[in-house]
């Protein structure tokens, strides 16, 4: 007589080693934290002084209302620059060209004027570069080269035009 015995298999102790998975998850967490930190835009706020003619009049700054020179870039290598605020400056906007006799001379002259007035090299000129939609990339590179040649440390590239600046570019 045959006895029907059920054959039972012995269960193996199946353990999963999660050490490698924990290491990989920590590496992924660190990677995404660093990537998120590097993705943040690196910009600096440019604080310019307010200039109100009704409050201040023309006497503020003894002829230098502020230290800003705005450079407008347009098509066909056209540069228009003005010192201070458009419409409130003693000087009218100037049409300039690239190179030593154009924009570079203007940058050096204005830098010297501001240095003589302030007497502090840390309070130097602030140049606002505004390329129009019609200007090309080469013009922007050229004006940035002029900033380096003229040793101007504080400059900013802005793409929003005031209505007065748009009219100025259209008229020239």
N, C-alpha and C. Protein backbone atom coordinates (compact mmCIF):
# COMPACT_ATOMS: atom_id res chain seq x y z
N UNK A 1 0.81 -1.16 0.00
CA UNK A 1 0.00 0.00 0.00
C UNK A 1 0.86 1.24 0.00
N UNK A 2 0.42 2.08 -0.82
CA UNK A 2 1.19 3.29 -1.02
C UNK A 2 0.52 4.42 -0.28
N UNK A 3 1.29 5.10 0.44
CA UNK A 3 0.76 6.22 1.21
C UNK A 3 0.98 7.48 0.40
N UNK A 4 -0.09 8.19 0.24
CA UNK A 4 0.02 9.47 -0.49
C UNK A 4 0.53 10.55 0.46
N UNK A 5 1.78 10.75 0.32
CA UNK A 5 2.36 11.82 1.12
C UNK A 5 2.53 13.04 0.23
N UNK A 6 2.15 14.10 0.78
CA UNK A 6 2.36 15.35 0.05
C UNK A 6 3.78 15.80 0.29
N UNK A 7 4.38 16.12 -0.79
CA UNK A 7 5.75 16.60 -0.67
C UNK A 7 5.69 18.11 -0.49
N UNK A 8 6.19 18.50 0.61
CA UNK A 8 6.21 19.94 0.88
C UNK A 8 7.61 20.46 0.63
N UNK A 9 7.63 21.57 -0.13
CA UNK A 9 8.95 22.17 -0.37
C UNK A 9 9.25 23.13 0.75
N UNK A 10 10.45 23.12 1.11
CA UNK A 10 10.82 24.04 2.19
C UNK A 10 10.93 25.44 1.61
N UNK A 11 10.33 26.37 2.28
CA UNK A 11 10.35 27.75 1.80
C UNK A 11 11.69 28.36 2.13
N UNK A 12 12.21 29.01 1.10
CA UNK A 12 13.47 29.70 1.31
C UNK A 12 13.18 31.06 1.91
N UNK A 13 14.08 31.50 2.71
CA UNK A 13 13.95 32.81 3.32
C UNK A 13 14.37 33.86 2.28
N UNK A 14 13.44 34.46 1.60
CA UNK A 14 13.75 35.42 0.55
C UNK A 14 13.80 36.82 1.13
N UNK A 15 14.98 37.37 1.21
CA UNK A 15 15.16 38.73 1.69
C UNK A 15 15.72 39.55 0.54
N UNK A 16 15.17 40.71 0.42
CA UNK A 16 15.66 41.62 -0.60
C UNK A 16 16.58 42.63 0.08
N UNK A 17 17.77 42.76 -0.46
CA UNK A 17 18.73 43.71 0.10
C UNK A 17 18.48 45.08 -0.52
N UNK A 18 18.00 46.00 0.29
CA UNK A 18 17.63 47.34 -0.19
C UNK A 18 18.75 48.37 -0.03
N UNK A 19 19.92 47.92 0.33
CA UNK A 19 21.02 48.86 0.55
C UNK A 19 21.35 49.64 -0.72
N UNK A 20 21.42 48.99 -1.83
CA UNK A 20 21.75 49.66 -3.08
C UNK A 20 20.64 50.62 -3.49
N UNK A 21 19.40 50.23 -3.26
CA UNK A 21 18.28 51.09 -3.62
C UNK A 21 18.25 52.35 -2.76
N UNK A 22 18.57 52.25 -1.52
CA UNK A 22 18.63 53.42 -0.65
C UNK A 22 19.75 54.35 -1.10
N UNK A 23 20.88 53.80 -1.44
CA UNK A 23 21.99 54.62 -1.92
C UNK A 23 21.62 55.37 -3.19
N UNK A 24 20.99 54.68 -4.13
CA UNK A 24 20.59 55.31 -5.38
C UNK A 24 19.54 56.39 -5.13
N UNK A 25 18.61 56.14 -4.23
CA UNK A 25 17.58 57.14 -3.96
C UNK A 25 18.19 58.39 -3.32
N UNK A 26 19.15 58.23 -2.42
CA UNK A 26 19.81 59.41 -1.84
C UNK A 26 20.60 60.17 -2.90
N UNK A 27 21.25 59.47 -3.80
CA UNK A 27 21.96 60.15 -4.89
C UNK A 27 21.00 60.92 -5.79
N UNK A 28 19.84 60.34 -6.07
CA UNK A 28 18.85 61.04 -6.89
C UNK A 28 18.31 62.28 -6.19
N UNK A 29 18.06 62.16 -4.89
CA UNK A 29 17.57 63.32 -4.13
C UNK A 29 18.61 64.43 -4.16
N UNK A 30 19.86 64.11 -3.94
CA UNK A 30 20.92 65.12 -3.97
C UNK A 30 21.04 65.73 -5.35
N UNK A 31 20.97 64.90 -6.39
CA UNK A 31 21.07 65.41 -7.76
C UNK A 31 19.96 66.42 -8.06
N UNK A 32 18.73 66.09 -7.71
CA UNK A 32 17.62 66.99 -8.02
C UNK A 32 17.66 68.26 -7.16
N UNK A 33 18.17 68.17 -5.94
CA UNK A 33 18.31 69.38 -5.13
C UNK A 33 19.35 70.32 -5.73
N UNK A 34 20.46 69.77 -6.16
CA UNK A 34 21.51 70.60 -6.78
C UNK A 34 21.02 71.15 -8.12
N UNK A 35 20.34 70.34 -8.91
CA UNK A 35 19.83 70.80 -10.20
C UNK A 35 18.81 71.92 -10.03
N UNK A 36 17.97 71.81 -9.01
CA UNK A 36 16.99 72.87 -8.76
C UNK A 36 17.67 74.16 -8.32
N UNK A 37 18.73 74.05 -7.55
CA UNK A 37 19.47 75.24 -7.12
C UNK A 37 20.18 75.91 -8.29
N UNK A 38 20.72 75.12 -9.18
CA UNK A 38 21.43 75.67 -10.34
C UNK A 38 20.47 76.25 -11.38
N UNK A 39 19.23 75.82 -11.36
CA UNK A 39 18.24 76.28 -12.33
C UNK A 39 17.71 77.67 -12.00
N UNK A 40 17.91 78.14 -10.77
CA UNK A 40 17.41 79.45 -10.38
C UNK A 40 18.13 80.52 -11.19
N UNK A 41 17.40 81.52 -11.66
CA UNK A 41 18.06 82.57 -12.45
C UNK A 41 18.99 83.40 -11.58
N UNK A 42 20.13 83.72 -12.15
CA UNK A 42 21.12 84.52 -11.43
C UNK A 42 21.04 85.94 -11.96
N UNK A 43 20.20 86.74 -11.34
CA UNK A 43 20.05 88.13 -11.75
C UNK A 43 20.24 89.02 -10.54
N UNK A 44 20.50 90.27 -10.82
CA UNK A 44 20.68 91.23 -9.75
C UNK A 44 19.76 92.41 -10.01
N UNK A 45 19.09 92.85 -8.97
CA UNK A 45 18.23 94.01 -9.11
C UNK A 45 19.08 95.25 -9.29
N UNK A 46 18.65 96.10 -10.19
CA UNK A 46 19.35 97.34 -10.44
C UNK A 46 18.52 98.46 -9.84
N UNK A 47 19.01 99.04 -8.77
CA UNK A 47 18.29 100.10 -8.09
C UNK A 47 18.74 101.45 -8.61
N UNK A 48 17.89 102.12 -9.34
CA UNK A 48 18.19 103.44 -9.85
C UNK A 48 17.45 104.47 -9.03
N UNK A 49 18.01 105.66 -8.89
CA UNK A 49 17.33 106.68 -8.09
C UNK A 49 16.10 107.21 -8.79
N UNK A 50 15.10 107.57 -7.99
CA UNK A 50 13.92 108.22 -8.54
C UNK A 50 14.28 109.67 -8.83
N UNK A 51 13.72 110.18 -9.89
CA UNK A 51 14.00 111.56 -10.25
C UNK A 51 12.68 112.23 -10.57
N UNK A 52 12.25 113.11 -9.71
CA UNK A 52 10.99 113.79 -9.90
C UNK A 52 11.28 115.29 -10.01
N UNK A 53 11.01 115.86 -11.17
CA UNK A 53 11.31 117.27 -11.40
C UNK A 53 10.45 118.15 -10.51
N UNK A 54 9.22 117.74 -10.23
CA UNK A 54 8.33 118.56 -9.41
C UNK A 54 8.88 118.68 -7.99
N UNK A 55 9.50 117.62 -7.48
CA UNK A 55 10.04 117.65 -6.13
C UNK A 55 11.46 118.21 -6.13
N UNK A 56 12.25 117.76 -7.06
CA UNK A 56 13.67 118.02 -7.02
C UNK A 56 14.07 119.22 -7.87
N UNK A 57 13.46 119.38 -9.01
CA UNK A 57 13.88 120.45 -9.92
C UNK A 57 15.19 120.09 -10.57
N UNK A 58 15.78 121.03 -11.26
CA UNK A 58 17.03 120.77 -11.96
C UNK A 58 18.23 120.82 -11.03
N UNK A 59 18.06 121.23 -9.79
CA UNK A 59 19.19 121.40 -8.90
C UNK A 59 19.71 120.12 -8.27
N UNK A 60 18.98 119.03 -8.38
CA UNK A 60 19.42 117.78 -7.76
C UNK A 60 20.68 117.27 -8.44
N UNK A 61 21.65 116.94 -7.67
CA UNK A 61 22.87 116.34 -8.21
C UNK A 61 23.80 117.34 -8.83
N UNK A 62 23.52 118.62 -8.72
CA UNK A 62 24.39 119.68 -9.24
C UNK A 62 24.76 119.43 -10.69
N UNK A 63 23.77 119.24 -11.53
CA UNK A 63 24.02 119.04 -12.95
C UNK A 63 24.09 117.58 -13.36
N UNK A 64 24.20 116.68 -12.41
CA UNK A 64 24.21 115.25 -12.72
C UNK A 64 23.03 114.61 -12.00
N UNK A 65 21.86 114.53 -12.65
CA UNK A 65 20.69 113.99 -11.96
C UNK A 65 20.88 112.55 -11.51
N UNK A 66 21.57 111.75 -12.27
CA UNK A 66 21.92 110.41 -11.84
C UNK A 66 23.11 109.93 -12.66
N UNK A 67 23.51 108.71 -12.45
CA UNK A 67 24.73 108.20 -13.07
C UNK A 67 24.45 107.27 -14.23
N UNK A 68 23.28 107.34 -14.82
CA UNK A 68 22.90 106.38 -15.84
C UNK A 68 23.09 106.94 -17.24
N UNK A 69 23.64 106.11 -18.08
CA UNK A 69 23.73 106.39 -19.51
C UNK A 69 22.96 105.27 -20.21
N UNK A 70 21.95 105.64 -20.98
CA UNK A 70 21.16 104.65 -21.69
C UNK A 70 21.61 104.58 -23.13
N UNK A 71 21.84 103.37 -23.61
CA UNK A 71 22.29 103.14 -24.98
C UNK A 71 21.21 102.33 -25.68
N UNK A 72 20.60 102.92 -26.71
CA UNK A 72 19.58 102.26 -27.51
C UNK A 72 20.23 101.71 -28.78
N UNK A 73 20.04 100.43 -29.04
CA UNK A 73 20.59 99.80 -30.24
C UNK A 73 19.46 99.58 -31.23
N UNK A 74 19.68 100.00 -32.46
CA UNK A 74 18.66 99.83 -33.49
C UNK A 74 19.29 99.16 -34.71
N UNK A 75 18.50 99.00 -35.77
CA UNK A 75 19.01 98.34 -36.96
C UNK A 75 20.04 99.22 -37.68
N UNK A 76 20.76 98.63 -38.61
CA UNK A 76 21.77 99.29 -39.44
C UNK A 76 22.86 99.94 -38.59
N UNK A 77 23.30 99.25 -37.53
CA UNK A 77 24.38 99.68 -36.66
C UNK A 77 24.14 101.07 -36.06
N UNK A 78 22.90 101.40 -35.78
CA UNK A 78 22.56 102.71 -35.24
C UNK A 78 22.54 102.64 -33.71
N UNK A 79 23.21 103.63 -33.08
CA UNK A 79 23.23 103.75 -31.62
C UNK A 79 22.73 105.14 -31.27
N UNK A 80 21.82 105.19 -30.30
CA UNK A 80 21.38 106.47 -29.75
C UNK A 80 21.60 106.39 -28.25
N UNK A 81 22.26 107.40 -27.69
CA UNK A 81 22.51 107.38 -26.25
C UNK A 81 22.04 108.69 -25.64
N UNK A 82 21.62 108.59 -24.39
CA UNK A 82 21.28 109.79 -23.62
C UNK A 82 21.67 109.57 -22.18
N UNK A 83 21.98 110.67 -21.52
CA UNK A 83 22.45 110.64 -20.14
C UNK A 83 21.31 111.05 -19.22
N UNK A 84 21.14 110.35 -18.12
CA UNK A 84 20.06 110.67 -17.19
C UNK A 84 18.74 110.09 -17.68
N UNK A 85 17.68 110.87 -17.51
CA UNK A 85 16.36 110.44 -17.94
C UNK A 85 15.97 111.18 -19.21
N UNK A 86 15.36 110.47 -20.12
CA UNK A 86 14.96 111.05 -21.40
C UNK A 86 13.91 112.13 -21.15
N UNK A 87 14.18 113.33 -21.63
CA UNK A 87 13.27 114.44 -21.46
C UNK A 87 13.62 115.33 -20.28
N UNK A 88 14.44 114.85 -19.35
CA UNK A 88 14.82 115.65 -18.19
C UNK A 88 16.30 115.98 -18.17
N UNK A 89 17.01 115.64 -19.22
CA UNK A 89 18.44 115.84 -19.24
C UNK A 89 18.77 117.18 -19.90
N UNK A 90 19.91 117.74 -19.52
CA UNK A 90 20.38 118.97 -20.16
C UNK A 90 20.88 118.70 -21.57
N UNK A 91 21.26 117.48 -21.84
CA UNK A 91 21.80 117.10 -23.14
C UNK A 91 20.72 116.39 -23.95
N UNK A 92 20.74 116.64 -25.24
CA UNK A 92 19.80 115.92 -26.11
C UNK A 92 20.42 114.57 -26.48
N UNK A 93 19.59 113.61 -26.87
CA UNK A 93 20.12 112.30 -27.26
C UNK A 93 21.08 112.42 -28.44
N UNK A 94 22.10 111.56 -28.43
CA UNK A 94 23.14 111.61 -29.45
C UNK A 94 23.09 110.37 -30.32
N UNK A 95 23.28 110.57 -31.63
CA UNK A 95 23.46 109.46 -32.55
C UNK A 95 24.95 109.15 -32.58
N UNK A 96 25.30 107.91 -32.35
CA UNK A 96 26.70 107.51 -32.30
C UNK A 96 26.93 106.32 -33.20
N UNK A 97 28.20 106.03 -33.44
CA UNK A 97 28.57 104.83 -34.18
C UNK A 97 29.48 103.99 -33.30
N UNK A 98 29.74 102.79 -33.70
CA UNK A 98 30.61 101.90 -32.95
C UNK A 98 32.05 102.32 -33.17
N UNK A 99 32.89 102.02 -32.20
CA UNK A 99 34.31 102.25 -32.36
C UNK A 99 34.86 103.33 -31.46
N UNK A 100 36.14 103.63 -31.69
CA UNK A 100 36.89 104.53 -30.82
C UNK A 100 36.37 105.95 -30.85
N UNK A 101 35.92 106.41 -32.00
CA UNK A 101 35.46 107.80 -32.12
C UNK A 101 33.97 107.96 -31.82
N UNK A 102 33.28 106.87 -31.61
CA UNK A 102 31.84 106.94 -31.37
C UNK A 102 31.47 106.66 -29.93
N UNK A 103 30.93 105.49 -29.70
CA UNK A 103 30.40 105.14 -28.39
C UNK A 103 31.49 105.05 -27.33
N UNK A 104 32.69 104.63 -27.72
CA UNK A 104 33.76 104.50 -26.74
C UNK A 104 34.15 105.86 -26.16
N UNK A 105 34.23 106.87 -27.02
CA UNK A 105 34.56 108.21 -26.55
C UNK A 105 33.48 108.73 -25.59
N UNK A 106 32.22 108.46 -25.92
CA UNK A 106 31.11 108.88 -25.05
C UNK A 106 31.18 108.19 -23.69
N UNK A 107 31.46 106.90 -23.69
CA UNK A 107 31.55 106.15 -22.43
C UNK A 107 32.69 106.66 -21.56
N UNK A 108 33.84 106.90 -22.17
CA UNK A 108 35.00 107.37 -21.41
C UNK A 108 34.75 108.78 -20.87
N UNK A 109 34.16 109.65 -21.69
CA UNK A 109 33.88 111.02 -21.26
C UNK A 109 32.92 111.05 -20.09
N UNK A 110 31.82 110.31 -20.19
CA UNK A 110 30.83 110.30 -19.12
C UNK A 110 31.39 109.66 -17.84
N UNK A 111 32.22 108.63 -17.99
CA UNK A 111 32.83 108.01 -16.83
C UNK A 111 33.72 109.01 -16.10
N UNK A 112 34.50 109.76 -16.85
CA UNK A 112 35.37 110.78 -16.22
C UNK A 112 34.54 111.86 -15.54
N UNK A 113 33.45 112.30 -16.17
CA UNK A 113 32.61 113.33 -15.56
C UNK A 113 32.03 112.85 -14.24
N UNK A 114 31.54 111.63 -14.21
CA UNK A 114 30.94 111.11 -12.98
C UNK A 114 32.01 110.90 -11.91
N UNK A 115 33.18 110.42 -12.29
CA UNK A 115 34.26 110.23 -11.32
C UNK A 115 34.71 111.56 -10.72
N UNK A 116 34.78 112.60 -11.55
CA UNK A 116 35.14 113.92 -11.04
C UNK A 116 34.07 114.44 -10.08
N UNK A 117 32.82 114.18 -10.40
CA UNK A 117 31.73 114.69 -9.56
C UNK A 117 31.65 113.95 -8.23
N UNK A 118 31.69 112.60 -8.29
CA UNK A 118 31.52 111.82 -7.08
C UNK A 118 32.81 111.68 -6.30
N UNK A 119 33.93 111.59 -6.98
CA UNK A 119 35.21 111.37 -6.31
C UNK A 119 35.38 109.96 -5.78
N UNK A 120 34.49 109.07 -6.13
CA UNK A 120 34.52 107.70 -5.63
C UNK A 120 34.40 106.76 -6.82
N UNK A 121 35.41 105.91 -7.00
CA UNK A 121 35.39 104.98 -8.13
C UNK A 121 34.28 103.94 -8.00
N UNK A 122 33.79 103.72 -6.77
CA UNK A 122 32.70 102.76 -6.58
C UNK A 122 31.36 103.32 -7.04
N UNK A 123 31.26 104.62 -7.15
CA UNK A 123 30.03 105.26 -7.64
C UNK A 123 30.25 105.70 -9.07
N UNK A 124 30.51 104.74 -9.90
CA UNK A 124 30.82 105.00 -11.30
C UNK A 124 29.55 105.00 -12.13
N UNK A 125 29.72 105.03 -13.42
CA UNK A 125 28.60 105.10 -14.36
C UNK A 125 27.84 103.78 -14.39
N UNK A 126 26.54 103.89 -14.62
CA UNK A 126 25.68 102.72 -14.83
C UNK A 126 25.15 102.83 -16.25
N UNK A 127 25.44 101.84 -17.08
CA UNK A 127 25.02 101.85 -18.47
C UNK A 127 23.85 100.89 -18.64
N UNK A 128 22.77 101.40 -19.23
CA UNK A 128 21.60 100.58 -19.53
C UNK A 128 21.60 100.35 -21.04
N UNK A 129 21.74 99.11 -21.45
CA UNK A 129 21.78 98.75 -22.86
C UNK A 129 20.41 98.22 -23.24
N UNK A 130 19.81 98.85 -24.25
CA UNK A 130 18.47 98.43 -24.69
C UNK A 130 18.51 98.09 -26.18
N UNK A 131 18.67 96.81 -26.50
CA UNK A 131 18.63 96.42 -27.91
C UNK A 131 17.18 96.33 -28.40
N UNK A 132 16.91 96.93 -29.54
CA UNK A 132 15.56 96.85 -30.09
C UNK A 132 15.38 95.52 -30.80
N UNK A 133 14.16 95.25 -31.21
CA UNK A 133 13.89 94.00 -31.93
C UNK A 133 14.55 93.99 -33.30
N UNK A 134 14.87 95.16 -33.82
CA UNK A 134 15.49 95.26 -35.13
C UNK A 134 17.01 95.11 -35.07
N UNK A 135 17.61 95.28 -33.90
CA UNK A 135 19.07 95.17 -33.81
C UNK A 135 19.48 93.71 -33.92
N UNK A 136 20.73 93.51 -34.31
CA UNK A 136 21.20 92.14 -34.47
C UNK A 136 22.12 91.74 -33.33
N UNK A 137 22.43 90.47 -33.28
CA UNK A 137 23.24 89.93 -32.19
C UNK A 137 24.65 90.51 -32.21
N UNK A 138 25.19 90.76 -33.39
CA UNK A 138 26.53 91.32 -33.51
C UNK A 138 26.64 92.69 -32.86
N UNK A 139 25.58 93.50 -32.98
CA UNK A 139 25.59 94.82 -32.34
C UNK A 139 25.64 94.69 -30.82
N UNK A 140 24.92 93.73 -30.27
CA UNK A 140 24.94 93.51 -28.83
C UNK A 140 26.33 93.06 -28.38
N UNK A 141 26.96 92.19 -29.14
CA UNK A 141 28.31 91.74 -28.81
C UNK A 141 29.28 92.91 -28.89
N UNK A 142 29.12 93.76 -29.91
CA UNK A 142 29.99 94.93 -30.06
C UNK A 142 29.87 95.89 -28.88
N UNK A 143 28.65 96.14 -28.41
CA UNK A 143 28.48 97.08 -27.30
C UNK A 143 29.01 96.46 -26.00
N UNK A 144 28.90 95.15 -25.85
CA UNK A 144 29.48 94.49 -24.68
C UNK A 144 31.00 94.55 -24.72
N UNK A 145 31.57 94.44 -25.92
CA UNK A 145 33.01 94.62 -26.07
C UNK A 145 33.43 96.03 -25.67
N UNK A 146 32.62 97.02 -26.04
CA UNK A 146 32.93 98.40 -25.67
C UNK A 146 32.88 98.59 -24.16
N UNK A 147 31.99 97.87 -23.47
CA UNK A 147 31.93 97.94 -22.01
C UNK A 147 33.25 97.43 -21.40
N UNK A 148 33.78 96.36 -21.96
CA UNK A 148 35.02 95.78 -21.45
C UNK A 148 36.20 96.71 -21.76
N UNK A 149 36.24 97.24 -22.99
CA UNK A 149 37.34 98.13 -23.38
C UNK A 149 37.33 99.39 -22.54
N UNK A 150 36.14 99.92 -22.27
CA UNK A 150 36.01 101.16 -21.49
C UNK A 150 36.11 100.93 -19.98
N UNK A 151 36.23 99.66 -19.57
CA UNK A 151 36.35 99.27 -18.16
C UNK A 151 35.15 99.71 -17.34
N UNK A 152 33.97 99.48 -17.89
CA UNK A 152 32.72 99.77 -17.18
C UNK A 152 32.22 98.47 -16.58
N UNK A 153 32.09 98.49 -15.26
CA UNK A 153 31.72 97.27 -14.54
C UNK A 153 30.22 97.12 -14.36
N UNK A 154 29.50 98.22 -14.29
CA UNK A 154 28.07 98.15 -13.99
C UNK A 154 27.27 98.48 -15.23
N UNK A 155 26.71 97.44 -15.83
CA UNK A 155 25.83 97.63 -16.98
C UNK A 155 24.76 96.55 -16.94
N UNK A 156 23.66 96.85 -17.61
CA UNK A 156 22.53 95.93 -17.62
C UNK A 156 21.93 95.92 -19.01
N UNK A 157 21.42 94.78 -19.42
CA UNK A 157 20.74 94.65 -20.71
C UNK A 157 19.25 94.52 -20.44
N UNK A 158 18.48 95.45 -20.98
CA UNK A 158 17.04 95.51 -20.75
C UNK A 158 16.36 95.51 -22.10
N UNK A 159 15.21 94.87 -22.20
CA UNK A 159 14.53 94.83 -23.50
C UNK A 159 13.19 95.56 -23.52
N UNK A 160 12.86 96.30 -22.48
CA UNK A 160 11.60 97.04 -22.52
C UNK A 160 11.88 98.52 -22.75
N UNK A 161 11.17 99.07 -23.70
CA UNK A 161 11.34 100.46 -24.11
C UNK A 161 10.18 101.29 -23.57
N UNK A 162 10.49 102.52 -23.18
CA UNK A 162 9.43 103.45 -22.81
C UNK A 162 8.83 104.01 -24.09
N UNK A 163 7.63 104.56 -24.04
CA UNK A 163 7.05 105.14 -25.26
C UNK A 163 7.91 106.28 -25.84
N UNK A 164 8.59 107.05 -24.97
CA UNK A 164 9.46 108.12 -25.47
C UNK A 164 10.65 107.55 -26.23
N UNK A 165 11.19 106.43 -25.75
CA UNK A 165 12.32 105.82 -26.44
C UNK A 165 11.89 105.21 -27.78
N UNK A 166 10.69 104.66 -27.82
CA UNK A 166 10.18 104.11 -29.08
C UNK A 166 10.01 105.25 -30.11
N UNK A 167 9.49 106.38 -29.68
CA UNK A 167 9.35 107.52 -30.58
C UNK A 167 10.70 108.04 -31.03
N UNK A 168 11.67 108.04 -30.13
CA UNK A 168 13.02 108.50 -30.46
C UNK A 168 13.64 107.60 -31.52
N UNK A 169 13.50 106.29 -31.38
CA UNK A 169 14.05 105.38 -32.38
C UNK A 169 13.33 105.50 -33.72
N UNK A 170 12.02 105.72 -33.67
CA UNK A 170 11.26 105.84 -34.92
C UNK A 170 11.60 107.13 -35.66
N UNK A 171 11.92 108.19 -34.92
CA UNK A 171 12.20 109.47 -35.56
C UNK A 171 13.59 109.53 -36.16
N UNK A 172 14.50 108.69 -35.69
CA UNK A 172 15.89 108.74 -36.20
C UNK A 172 16.14 107.67 -37.22
